[in-house]
Amino acid sequence: RRYPFKDIREPFPGYRGKIHFDMEKCTLCSACARLCPANAIAVNKEAKTLEYNPFACIYCATCVDSCPRKAISMEVTYSPPATVKSEETYHSKE
């Protein structure tokens, strides 16, 4: 296969893809950060931010299952390769 140039397949059933945070629904309750076994999520209520480290994440979906507002989901897409390890910062809409 000449991936990623040709013959890109659909993800198989049960694939745990990219973590997506919907900050419109998020209340910064920190349930996801408390239960994350890899400590990949940090919530700062004073600054109203959520920091996510995709390189520390083990993609276990504990955060998705623990979110009471269903603000976290897993997109069934492949993550693009990265050249720099960086954290993603999301700002609350509230």
C-alpha atoms as a PDB file:
ATOM      1  CA  ARG A   1       0.000   0.000   0.000  1.00  0.00           C
ATOM      2  CA  ARG A   2       1.112   3.505  -0.739  1.00  0.00           C
ATOM      3  CA  TYR A   3      -0.506   5.046   2.346  1.00  0.00           C
ATOM      4  CA  PRO A   4      -1.085   8.023   2.755  1.00  0.00           C
ATOM      5  CA  PHE A   5      -0.847   8.737  -0.964  1.00  0.00           C
ATOM      6  CA  LYS A   6      -3.140   6.020  -2.258  1.00  0.00           C
ATOM      7  CA  ASP A   7      -5.540   3.318  -1.055  1.00  0.00           C
ATOM      8  CA  ILE A   8      -6.646   5.035   2.137  1.00  0.00           C
ATOM      9  CA  ARG A   9      -8.979   2.623   3.906  1.00  0.00           C
ATOM     10  CA  GLU A  10     -11.897   3.431   6.164  1.00  0.00           C
ATOM     11  CA  PRO A  11     -11.191   2.776   9.856  1.00  0.00           C
ATOM     12  CA  PHE A  12     -12.226  -0.665  11.055  1.00  0.00           C
ATOM     13  CA  PRO A  13     -15.250  -1.129  13.380  1.00  0.00           C
ATOM     14  CA  GLY A  14     -14.449  -0.217  16.962  1.00  0.00           C
ATOM     15  CA  TYR A  15     -11.615   2.127  15.960  1.00  0.00           C
ATOM     16  CA  ARG A  16     -10.911   4.758  18.609  1.00  0.00           C
ATOM     17  CA  GLY A  17     -10.082   7.864  16.660  1.00  0.00           C
ATOM     18  CA  LYS A  18      -9.290  11.479  17.360  1.00  0.00           C
ATOM     19  CA  ILE A  19     -10.650  12.991  20.592  1.00  0.00           C
ATOM     20  CA  HIS A  20     -13.002  15.922  19.961  1.00  0.00           C
ATOM     21  CA  PHE A  21     -14.050  18.448  22.619  1.00  0.00           C
ATOM     22  CA  ASP A  22     -17.294  20.393  22.123  1.00  0.00           C
ATOM     23  CA  MET A  23     -16.682  23.495  24.222  1.00  0.00           C
ATOM     24  CA  GLU A  24     -20.258  24.682  23.636  1.00  0.00           C
ATOM     25  CA  LYS A  25     -21.436  21.843  25.908  1.00  0.00           C
ATOM     26  CA  CYS A  26     -18.470  21.709  28.317  1.00  0.00           C
ATOM     27  CA  THR A  27     -18.977  23.109  31.836  1.00  0.00           C
ATOM     28  CA  LEU A  28     -15.363  22.478  32.957  1.00  0.00           C
ATOM     29  CA  CYS A  29     -16.534  20.017  35.621  1.00  0.00           C
ATOM     30  CA  SER A  30     -13.144  18.168  35.365  1.00  0.00           C
ATOM     31  CA  ALA A  31     -14.669  14.691  35.425  1.00  0.00           C
ATOM     32  CA  CYS A  32     -12.612  13.817  32.350  1.00  0.00           C
ATOM     33  CA  ALA A  33      -9.367  15.096  33.897  1.00  0.00           C
ATOM     34  CA  ARG A  34      -9.942  13.256  37.201  1.00  0.00           C
ATOM     35  CA  LEU A  35     -10.604   9.913  35.523  1.00  0.00           C
ATOM     36  CA  CYS A  36      -7.982  10.083  32.742  1.00  0.00           C
ATOM     37  CA  PRO A  37      -5.447   7.305  33.493  1.00  0.00           C
ATOM     38  CA  ALA A  38      -2.744   9.010  31.405  1.00  0.00           C
ATOM     39  CA  ASN A  39      -3.245  12.526  32.836  1.00  0.00           C
ATOM     40  CA  ALA A  40      -3.636  13.815  29.289  1.00  0.00           C
ATOM     41  CA  ILE A  41      -6.363  16.330  30.217  1.00  0.00           C
ATOM     42  CA  ALA A  42      -5.990  19.333  32.522  1.00  0.00           C
ATOM     43  CA  VAL A  43      -8.821  21.727  33.378  1.00  0.00           C
ATOM     44  CA  ASN A  44      -8.194  25.257  34.640  1.00  0.00           C
ATOM     45  CA  LYS A  45     -11.461  26.720  35.925  1.00  0.00           C
ATOM     46  CA  GLU A  46      -9.982  30.162  36.674  1.00  0.00           C
ATOM     47  CA  ALA A  47      -8.684  30.632  33.126  1.00  0.00           C
ATOM     48  CA  LYS A  48     -11.678  28.695  31.698  1.00  0.00           C
ATOM     49  CA  THR A  49      -9.434  26.447  29.621  1.00  0.00           C
ATOM     50  CA  LEU A  50      -9.041  22.748  28.956  1.00  0.00           C
ATOM     51  CA  GLU A  51      -5.628  21.439  27.882  1.00  0.00           C
ATOM     52  CA  TYR A  52      -5.329  18.142  26.053  1.00  0.00           C
ATOM     53  CA  ASN A  53      -2.068  16.352  25.315  1.00  0.00           C
ATOM     54  CA  PRO A  54      -2.685  13.942  22.422  1.00  0.00           C
ATOM     55  CA  PHE A  55       0.793  12.432  22.799  1.00  0.00           C
ATOM     56  CA  ALA A  56       0.110  11.368  26.403  1.00  0.00           C
ATOM     57  CA  CYS A  57      -3.385  10.093  25.580  1.00  0.00           C
ATOM     58  CA  ILE A  58      -3.814   6.315  25.408  1.00  0.00           C
ATOM     59  CA  TYR A  59      -7.206   6.605  23.637  1.00  0.00           C
ATOM     60  CA  CYS A  60      -9.039   4.477  26.193  1.00  0.00           C
ATOM     61  CA  ALA A  61     -12.269   6.548  25.866  1.00  0.00           C
ATOM     62  CA  THR A  62     -12.642   6.927  29.635  1.00  0.00           C
ATOM     63  CA  CYS A  63     -13.082  10.672  29.165  1.00  0.00           C
ATOM     64  CA  VAL A  64     -15.818  10.108  26.590  1.00  0.00           C
ATOM     65  CA  ASP A  65     -17.701   7.744  28.897  1.00  0.00           C
ATOM     66  CA  SER A  66     -17.272   9.931  32.001  1.00  0.00           C
ATOM     67  CA  CYS A  67     -18.432  13.255  30.549  1.00  0.00           C
ATOM     68  CA  PRO A  68     -21.890  14.011  32.021  1.00  0.00           C
ATOM     69  CA  ARG A  69     -22.709  16.560  29.282  1.00  0.00           C
ATOM     70  CA  LYS A  70     -21.436  14.364  26.400  1.00  0.00           C
ATOM     71  CA  ALA A  71     -19.071  17.180  25.379  1.00  0.00           C
ATOM     72  CA  ILE A  72     -16.295  14.729  24.441  1.00  0.00           C
ATOM     73  CA  SER A  73     -16.489  12.355  21.507  1.00  0.00           C
ATOM     74  CA  MET A  74     -14.172  10.263  19.382  1.00  0.00           C
ATOM     75  CA  GLU A  75     -14.143  11.049  15.679  1.00  0.00           C
ATOM     76  CA  VAL A  76     -13.727   8.027  13.466  1.00  0.00           C
ATOM     77  CA  THR A  77     -10.890   9.555  11.473  1.00  0.00           C
ATOM     78  CA  TYR A  78      -7.172   8.995  11.478  1.00  0.00           C
ATOM     79  CA  SER A  79      -5.015  11.608  13.155  1.00  0.00           C
ATOM     80  CA  PRO A  80      -2.547  13.228  10.781  1.00  0.00           C
ATOM     81  CA  PRO A  81       1.146  12.749  11.533  1.00  0.00           C
ATOM     82  CA  ALA A  82       2.757  15.507  13.586  1.00  0.00           C
ATOM     83  CA  THR A  83       6.260  16.905  13.498  1.00  0.00           C
ATOM     84  CA  VAL A  84       5.993  18.793  16.801  1.00  0.00           C
ATOM     85  CA  LYS A  85       4.653  17.495  20.111  1.00  0.00           C
ATOM     86  CA  SER A  86       2.248  20.130  21.343  1.00  0.00           C
ATOM     87  CA  GLU A  87      -0.768  20.373  23.601  1.00  0.00           C
ATOM     88  CA  GLU A  88      -4.151  21.535  22.412  1.00  0.00           C
ATOM     89  CA  THR A  89      -5.854  24.293  24.429  1.00  0.00           C
ATOM     90  CA  TYR A  90      -9.598  24.816  24.318  1.00  0.00           C
ATOM     91  CA  HIS A  91     -11.368  27.868  25.772  1.00  0.00           C
ATOM     92  CA  SER A  92     -14.778  27.693  27.402  1.00  0.00           C
ATOM     93  CA  LYS A  93     -17.629  29.586  25.779  1.00  0.00           C
ATOM     94  CA  GLU A  94     -19.179  30.454  29.157  1.00  0.00           C
END
